[in-house]
Amino acid sequence: GGVRPIGLFTGLLRVFMRALRRTIGEQWVSKHVPPAWYGVRGKSSEQAVWARLAAVRYAKETGGVALGELYDVTKAFDHLQLAVVKKWAERFNFPMILLRFLFAVYQAPRHFVIGKGMVKRVRPTRSTVAGCAFADLMMFNVMLGIHSQVVFAAPSAIVAVIADDYQILATGTSEEAVDTMAKADGAAMRAFAEADLPVS
């Protein structure tokens, strides 16, 4: 739950945020991107497709099977809970001074204005501000948390993450693939539910 009115940064703040993202943000990301992440520098989303295809072909050629599942977070950034972001940001050593600054900006009071009059003043409890240079890193923290739970439950699952899309592939004999997928799917669904992220 929570309130998420649309907000925009001033031009000066946008420039400042982009500068922080290119320096502190990039340094943090470079230390925390798992092999399963695609659509990031040096690993295109096309590589995820080819890697999955190779795994499926190998399973078929060796007499095994492959089971796949895709989790797409519905309106991902609209449902991003700041409390969940904080939980995983602390776990993955995101710079806390920067996180406090970002949360102060995200949770600054916003005003609904119709015509020339203010209708309502609210304080957001979820999501980032539209166009924020750090929005992807807030989602990245949460997806890292979900990913850590899946690989813990099913170490043999072949995972690919592209932004807010989470893919699981299980290969092997029929029994092995079903067992791996059951464990991975159960962990993923629990993790998405705990993060309050609806998936389809």
C-alpha atoms as a PDB file:
ATOM      1  CA  GLY A   1       0.000   0.000   0.000  1.00  0.00           C
ATOM      2  CA  GLY A   2       0.905   3.633   0.257  1.00  0.00           C
ATOM      3  CA  VAL A   3       0.459   6.824  -1.655  1.00  0.00           C
ATOM      4  CA  ARG A   4       2.324   7.506  -4.871  1.00  0.00           C
ATOM      5  CA  PRO A   5       1.420  10.840  -6.448  1.00  0.00           C
ATOM      6  CA  ILE A   6       3.498  11.800  -9.470  1.00  0.00           C
ATOM      7  CA  GLY A   7       6.330  14.211  -8.770  1.00  0.00           C
ATOM      8  CA  LEU A   8       9.086  15.785 -10.826  1.00  0.00           C
ATOM      9  CA  PHE A   9      12.494  17.143  -9.871  1.00  0.00           C
ATOM     10  CA  THR A  10      13.661  20.649 -10.654  1.00  0.00           C
ATOM     11  CA  GLY A  11      16.258  20.960 -13.417  1.00  0.00           C
ATOM     12  CA  LEU A  12      19.118  21.635 -10.993  1.00  0.00           C
ATOM     13  CA  LEU A  13      18.269  18.624  -8.833  1.00  0.00           C
ATOM     14  CA  ARG A  14      18.070  16.389 -11.908  1.00  0.00           C
ATOM     15  CA  VAL A  15      21.592  17.423 -12.934  1.00  0.00           C
ATOM     16  CA  PHE A  16      22.881  16.780  -9.407  1.00  0.00           C
ATOM     17  CA  MET A  17      21.219  13.358  -9.253  1.00  0.00           C
ATOM     18  CA  ARG A  18      22.641  12.316 -12.614  1.00  0.00           C
ATOM     19  CA  ALA A  19      26.125  13.311 -11.433  1.00  0.00           C
ATOM     20  CA  LEU A  20      25.722  11.181  -8.294  1.00  0.00           C
ATOM     21  CA  ARG A  21      24.427   8.274 -10.390  1.00  0.00           C
ATOM     22  CA  ARG A  22      27.430   8.387 -12.738  1.00  0.00           C
ATOM     23  CA  THR A  23      29.876   8.334  -9.821  1.00  0.00           C
ATOM     24  CA  ILE A  24      28.687   6.783  -6.559  1.00  0.00           C
ATOM     25  CA  GLY A  25      25.878   4.815  -8.209  1.00  0.00           C
ATOM     26  CA  GLU A  26      28.090   3.275 -10.889  1.00  0.00           C
ATOM     27  CA  GLN A  27      30.769   2.340  -8.356  1.00  0.00           C
ATOM     28  CA  TRP A  28      28.225   0.486  -6.235  1.00  0.00           C
ATOM     29  CA  VAL A  29      26.603  -1.270  -9.204  1.00  0.00           C
ATOM     30  CA  SER A  30      29.961  -2.466 -10.547  1.00  0.00           C
ATOM     31  CA  LYS A  31      30.550  -4.360  -7.284  1.00  0.00           C
ATOM     32  CA  HIS A  32      27.097  -5.938  -7.018  1.00  0.00           C
ATOM     33  CA  VAL A  33      25.958  -7.088 -10.482  1.00  0.00           C
ATOM     34  CA  PRO A  34      25.570 -10.908 -10.378  1.00  0.00           C
ATOM     35  CA  PRO A  35      26.298 -13.050 -13.456  1.00  0.00           C
ATOM     36  CA  ALA A  36      22.541 -13.541 -13.914  1.00  0.00           C
ATOM     37  CA  TRP A  37      21.946  -9.835 -14.679  1.00  0.00           C
ATOM     38  CA  TYR A  38      21.426  -8.668 -18.260  1.00  0.00           C
ATOM     39  CA  GLY A  39      20.601  -5.354 -19.864  1.00  0.00           C
ATOM     40  CA  VAL A  40      23.519  -3.790 -17.994  1.00  0.00           C
ATOM     41  CA  ARG A  41      26.873  -2.528 -19.240  1.00  0.00           C
ATOM     42  CA  GLY A  42      28.705  -5.328 -21.012  1.00  0.00           C
ATOM     43  CA  LYS A  43      25.740  -7.763 -20.941  1.00  0.00           C
ATOM     44  CA  SER A  44      22.933  -7.103 -23.386  1.00  0.00           C
ATOM     45  CA  SER A  45      19.435  -8.539 -23.034  1.00  0.00           C
ATOM     46  CA  GLU A  46      20.087 -10.459 -26.268  1.00  0.00           C
ATOM     47  CA  GLN A  47      22.807 -12.404 -24.434  1.00  0.00           C
ATOM     48  CA  ALA A  48      20.157 -13.614 -21.985  1.00  0.00           C
ATOM     49  CA  VAL A  49      18.117 -15.009 -24.878  1.00  0.00           C
ATOM     50  CA  TRP A  50      21.093 -16.815 -26.402  1.00  0.00           C
ATOM     51  CA  ALA A  51      22.260 -18.175 -23.035  1.00  0.00           C
ATOM     52  CA  ARG A  52      18.788 -19.608 -22.378  1.00  0.00           C
ATOM     53  CA  LEU A  53      18.633 -21.092 -25.869  1.00  0.00           C
ATOM     54  CA  ALA A  54      22.025 -22.767 -25.399  1.00  0.00           C
ATOM     55  CA  ALA A  55      20.927 -24.281 -22.064  1.00  0.00           C
ATOM     56  CA  VAL A  56      17.680 -25.579 -23.554  1.00  0.00           C
ATOM     57  CA  ARG A  57      19.454 -27.069 -26.597  1.00  0.00           C
ATOM     58  CA  TYR A  58      22.020 -28.751 -24.352  1.00  0.00           C
ATOM     59  CA  ALA A  59      19.262 -30.270 -22.222  1.00  0.00           C
ATOM     60  CA  LYS A  60      17.489 -31.583 -25.309  1.00  0.00           C
ATOM     61  CA  GLU A  61      20.660 -33.015 -26.897  1.00  0.00           C
ATOM     62  CA  THR A  62      21.596 -34.846 -23.689  1.00  0.00           C
ATOM     63  CA  GLY A  63      18.165 -36.415 -23.247  1.00  0.00           C
ATOM     64  CA  GLY A  64      16.951 -34.006 -20.607  1.00  0.00           C
ATOM     65  CA  VAL A  65      14.158 -31.459 -20.427  1.00  0.00           C
ATOM     66  CA  ALA A  66      13.961 -27.732 -19.788  1.00  0.00           C
ATOM     67  CA  LEU A  67      11.271 -25.859 -17.878  1.00  0.00           C
ATOM     68  CA  GLY A  68      11.039 -22.095 -17.945  1.00  0.00           C
ATOM     69  CA  GLU A  69       9.083 -19.420 -16.155  1.00  0.00           C
ATOM     70  CA  LEU A  70       8.977 -15.628 -16.513  1.00  0.00           C
ATOM     71  CA  TYR A  71       7.859 -13.265 -13.752  1.00  0.00           C
ATOM     72  CA  ASP A  72       6.925  -9.786 -14.952  1.00  0.00           C
ATOM     73  CA  VAL A  73       6.355  -7.246 -12.192  1.00  0.00           C
ATOM     74  CA  THR A  74       3.143  -5.351 -12.933  1.00  0.00           C
ATOM     75  CA  LYS A  75       3.749  -1.574 -12.908  1.00  0.00           C
ATOM     76  CA  ALA A  76       6.979  -2.296 -11.094  1.00  0.00           C
ATOM     77  CA  PHE A  77       8.006   1.219 -10.101  1.00  0.00           C
ATOM     78  CA  ASP A  78       4.476   2.117  -8.976  1.00  0.00           C
ATOM     79  CA  HIS A  79       4.609  -0.747  -6.457  1.00  0.00           C
ATOM     80  CA  LEU A  80       8.169  -0.234  -5.215  1.00  0.00           C
ATOM     81  CA  GLN A  81       7.960  -0.020  -1.413  1.00  0.00           C
ATOM     82  CA  LEU A  82      10.626   2.191   0.162  1.00  0.00           C
ATOM     83  CA  ALA A  83      10.741   0.034   3.304  1.00  0.00           C
ATOM     84  CA  VAL A  84      11.600  -2.986   1.146  1.00  0.00           C
ATOM     85  CA  VAL A  85      14.232  -0.993  -0.741  1.00  0.00           C
ATOM     86  CA  LYS A  86      15.810  -0.008   2.583  1.00  0.00           C
ATOM     87  CA  LYS A  87      15.887  -3.604   3.828  1.00  0.00           C
ATOM     88  CA  TRP A  88      17.824  -4.869   0.823  1.00  0.00           C
ATOM     89  CA  ALA A  89      19.938  -1.730   0.406  1.00  0.00           C
ATOM     90  CA  GLU A  90      21.291  -2.318   3.914  1.00  0.00           C
ATOM     91  CA  ARG A  91      21.939  -5.977   3.095  1.00  0.00           C
ATOM     92  CA  PHE A  92      23.859  -5.139  -0.084  1.00  0.00           C
ATOM     93  CA  ASN A  93      25.827  -2.223   1.372  1.00  0.00           C
ATOM     94  CA  PHE A  94      24.216   0.546  -0.650  1.00  0.00           C
ATOM     95  CA  PRO A  95      25.659   3.890   0.572  1.00  0.00           C
ATOM     96  CA  MET A  96      23.360   4.785   3.471  1.00  0.00           C
ATOM     97  CA  ILE A  97      23.999   8.535   3.348  1.00  0.00           C
ATOM     98  CA  LEU A  98      22.948   8.519  -0.294  1.00  0.00           C
ATOM     99  CA  LEU A  99      19.910   6.334   0.451  1.00  0.00           C
ATOM    100  CA  ARG A 100      18.756   8.700   3.223  1.00  0.00           C
ATOM    101  CA  PHE A 101      19.103  11.624   0.817  1.00  0.00           C
ATOM    102  CA  LEU A 102      17.115   9.811  -1.870  1.00  0.00           C
ATOM    103  CA  PHE A 103      14.371   8.846   0.575  1.00  0.00           C
ATOM    104  CA  ALA A 104      14.148  12.443   1.827  1.00  0.00           C
ATOM    105  CA  VAL A 105      13.619  13.574  -1.762  1.00  0.00           C
ATOM    106  CA  TYR A 106      11.185  10.762  -2.601  1.00  0.00           C
ATOM    107  CA  GLN A 107       9.135  11.385   0.538  1.00  0.00           C
ATOM    108  CA  ALA A 108       9.084  15.167   0.329  1.00  0.00           C
ATOM    109  CA  PRO A 109       5.536  16.533   0.565  1.00  0.00           C
ATOM    110  CA  ARG A 110       3.701  16.763  -2.743  1.00  0.00           C
ATOM    111  CA  HIS A 111       0.654  18.782  -3.622  1.00  0.00           C
ATOM    112  CA  PHE A 112      -2.308  18.004  -5.818  1.00  0.00           C
ATOM    113  CA  VAL A 113      -3.106  21.160  -7.766  1.00  0.00           C
ATOM    114  CA  ILE A 114      -6.173  21.744  -9.907  1.00  0.00           C
ATOM    115  CA  GLY A 115      -6.288  25.020 -11.735  1.00  0.00           C
ATOM    116  CA  LYS A 116      -4.755  27.611  -9.424  1.00  0.00           C
ATOM    117  CA  GLY A 117      -5.624  25.994  -6.134  1.00  0.00           C
ATOM    118  CA  MET A 118      -4.021  23.265  -4.026  1.00  0.00           C
ATOM    119  CA  VAL A 119      -6.437  20.417  -3.382  1.00  0.00           C
ATOM    120  CA  LYS A 120      -4.413  18.096  -1.165  1.00  0.00           C
ATOM    121  CA  ARG A 121      -0.973  17.740   0.421  1.00  0.00           C
ATOM    122  CA  VAL A 122       0.464  14.216   0.752  1.00  0.00           C
ATOM    123  CA  ARG A 123       3.684  12.486   1.825  1.00  0.00           C
ATOM    124  CA  PRO A 124       4.533   9.496  -0.403  1.00  0.00           C
ATOM    125  CA  THR A 125       5.370   6.131   1.151  1.00  0.00           C
ATOM    126  CA  ARG A 126       6.282   4.212  -1.972  1.00  0.00           C
ATOM    127  CA  SER A 127       8.055   4.473  -5.307  1.00  0.00           C
ATOM    128  CA  THR A 128      10.625   6.870  -6.648  1.00  0.00           C
ATOM    129  CA  VAL A 129      10.113  10.183  -8.395  1.00  0.00           C
ATOM    130  CA  ALA A 130       9.471   9.974 -12.130  1.00  0.00           C
ATOM    131  CA  GLY A 131      12.689  10.457 -14.059  1.00  0.00           C
ATOM    132  CA  CYS A 132      14.976   9.929 -11.070  1.00  0.00           C
ATOM    133  CA  ALA A 133      18.442   8.758 -12.133  1.00  0.00           C
ATOM    134  CA  PHE A 134      18.461   6.288  -9.211  1.00  0.00           C
ATOM    135  CA  ALA A 135      15.081   4.655  -9.881  1.00  0.00           C
ATOM    136  CA  ASP A 136      16.700   1.653 -11.549  1.00  0.00           C
ATOM    137  CA  LEU A 137      19.044   1.127  -8.594  1.00  0.00           C
ATOM    138  CA  MET A 138      16.146   1.148  -6.143  1.00  0.00           C
ATOM    139  CA  MET A 139      14.523  -1.648  -8.164  1.00  0.00           C
ATOM    140  CA  PHE A 140      17.919  -3.333  -8.549  1.00  0.00           C
ATOM    141  CA  ASN A 141      18.249  -3.604  -4.746  1.00  0.00           C
ATOM    142  CA  VAL A 142      14.862  -5.285  -4.420  1.00  0.00           C
ATOM    143  CA  MET A 143      15.494  -7.644  -7.347  1.00  0.00           C
ATOM    144  CA  LEU A 144      18.860  -8.565  -5.805  1.00  0.00           C
ATOM    145  CA  GLY A 145      17.006  -9.531  -2.644  1.00  0.00           C
ATOM    146  CA  ILE A 146      14.518 -11.656  -4.548  1.00  0.00           C
ATOM    147  CA  HIS A 147      17.340 -13.243  -6.538  1.00  0.00           C
ATOM    148  CA  SER A 148      19.298 -14.142  -3.400  1.00  0.00           C
ATOM    149  CA  GLN A 149      16.299 -16.049  -2.034  1.00  0.00           C
ATOM    150  CA  VAL A 150      15.733 -17.955  -5.285  1.00  0.00           C
ATOM    151  CA  VAL A 151      19.345 -19.092  -5.729  1.00  0.00           C
ATOM    152  CA  PHE A 152      19.496 -20.098  -2.069  1.00  0.00           C
ATOM    153  CA  ALA A 153      16.408 -22.306  -2.489  1.00  0.00           C
ATOM    154  CA  ALA A 154      17.382 -23.690  -5.904  1.00  0.00           C
ATOM    155  CA  PRO A 155      21.129 -23.339  -6.603  1.00  0.00           C
ATOM    156  CA  SER A 156      20.899 -25.285  -9.875  1.00  0.00           C
ATOM    157  CA  ALA A 157      18.263 -22.978 -11.392  1.00  0.00           C
ATOM    158  CA  ILE A 158      19.470 -20.935 -14.355  1.00  0.00           C
ATOM    159  CA  VAL A 159      18.333 -17.382 -13.748  1.00  0.00           C
ATOM    160  CA  ALA A 160      18.249 -14.257 -15.901  1.00  0.00           C
ATOM    161  CA  VAL A 161      17.203 -10.820 -14.652  1.00  0.00           C
ATOM    162  CA  ILE A 162      16.466  -7.925 -16.976  1.00  0.00           C
ATOM    163  CA  ALA A 163      15.345  -4.834 -15.039  1.00  0.00           C
ATOM    164  CA  ASP A 164      12.085  -5.995 -13.375  1.00  0.00           C
ATOM    165  CA  ASP A 165      11.692  -9.218 -15.392  1.00  0.00           C
ATOM    166  CA  TYR A 166      12.824 -12.382 -13.611  1.00  0.00           C
ATOM    167  CA  GLN A 167      13.357 -15.586 -15.601  1.00  0.00           C
ATOM    168  CA  ILE A 168      13.967 -19.068 -14.238  1.00  0.00           C
ATOM    169  CA  LEU A 169      15.094 -22.054 -16.287  1.00  0.00           C
ATOM    170  CA  ALA A 170      15.405 -25.573 -14.865  1.00  0.00           C
ATOM    171  CA  THR A 171      17.111 -28.350 -16.830  1.00  0.00           C
ATOM    172  CA  GLY A 172      18.028 -32.007 -16.325  1.00  0.00           C
ATOM    173  CA  THR A 173      15.970 -35.155 -16.122  1.00  0.00           C
ATOM    174  CA  SER A 174      12.223 -34.672 -15.788  1.00  0.00           C
ATOM    175  CA  GLU A 175      12.419 -35.248 -12.032  1.00  0.00           C
ATOM    176  CA  GLU A 176      15.394 -32.913 -11.587  1.00  0.00           C
ATOM    177  CA  ALA A 177      13.847 -30.127 -13.639  1.00  0.00           C
ATOM    178  CA  VAL A 178      10.487 -30.335 -11.872  1.00  0.00           C
ATOM    179  CA  ASP A 179      12.151 -30.407  -8.432  1.00  0.00           C
ATOM    180  CA  THR A 180      14.369 -27.427  -9.249  1.00  0.00           C
ATOM    181  CA  MET A 181      11.511 -25.419 -10.722  1.00  0.00           C
ATOM    182  CA  ALA A 182       9.231 -26.166  -7.770  1.00  0.00           C
ATOM    183  CA  LYS A 183      11.850 -24.901  -5.322  1.00  0.00           C
ATOM    184  CA  ALA A 184      12.751 -21.863  -7.417  1.00  0.00           C
ATOM    185  CA  ASP A 185       9.139 -20.920  -8.130  1.00  0.00           C
ATOM    186  CA  GLY A 186       8.142 -21.261  -4.482  1.00  0.00           C
ATOM    187  CA  ALA A 187      11.033 -19.056  -3.378  1.00  0.00           C
ATOM    188  CA  ALA A 188      10.327 -16.487  -6.106  1.00  0.00           C
ATOM    189  CA  MET A 189       6.617 -16.220  -5.319  1.00  0.00           C
ATOM    190  CA  ARG A 190       7.308 -15.836  -1.596  1.00  0.00           C
ATOM    191  CA  ALA A 191       9.970 -13.200  -2.275  1.00  0.00           C
ATOM    192  CA  PHE A 192       7.751 -11.188  -4.626  1.00  0.00           C
ATOM    193  CA  ALA A 193       4.890 -11.367  -2.114  1.00  0.00           C
ATOM    194  CA  GLU A 194       7.155 -10.223   0.748  1.00  0.00           C
ATOM    195  CA  ALA A 195       8.306  -7.308  -1.433  1.00  0.00           C
ATOM    196  CA  ASP A 196       4.656  -6.492  -2.199  1.00  0.00           C
ATOM    197  CA  LEU A 197       5.377  -6.680  -5.928  1.00  0.00           C
ATOM    198  CA  PRO A 198       2.533  -8.131  -8.055  1.00  0.00           C
ATOM    199  CA  VAL A 199       3.743 -10.460 -10.817  1.00  0.00           C
ATOM    200  CA  SER A 200       2.080 -11.864 -13.888  1.00  0.00           C
END
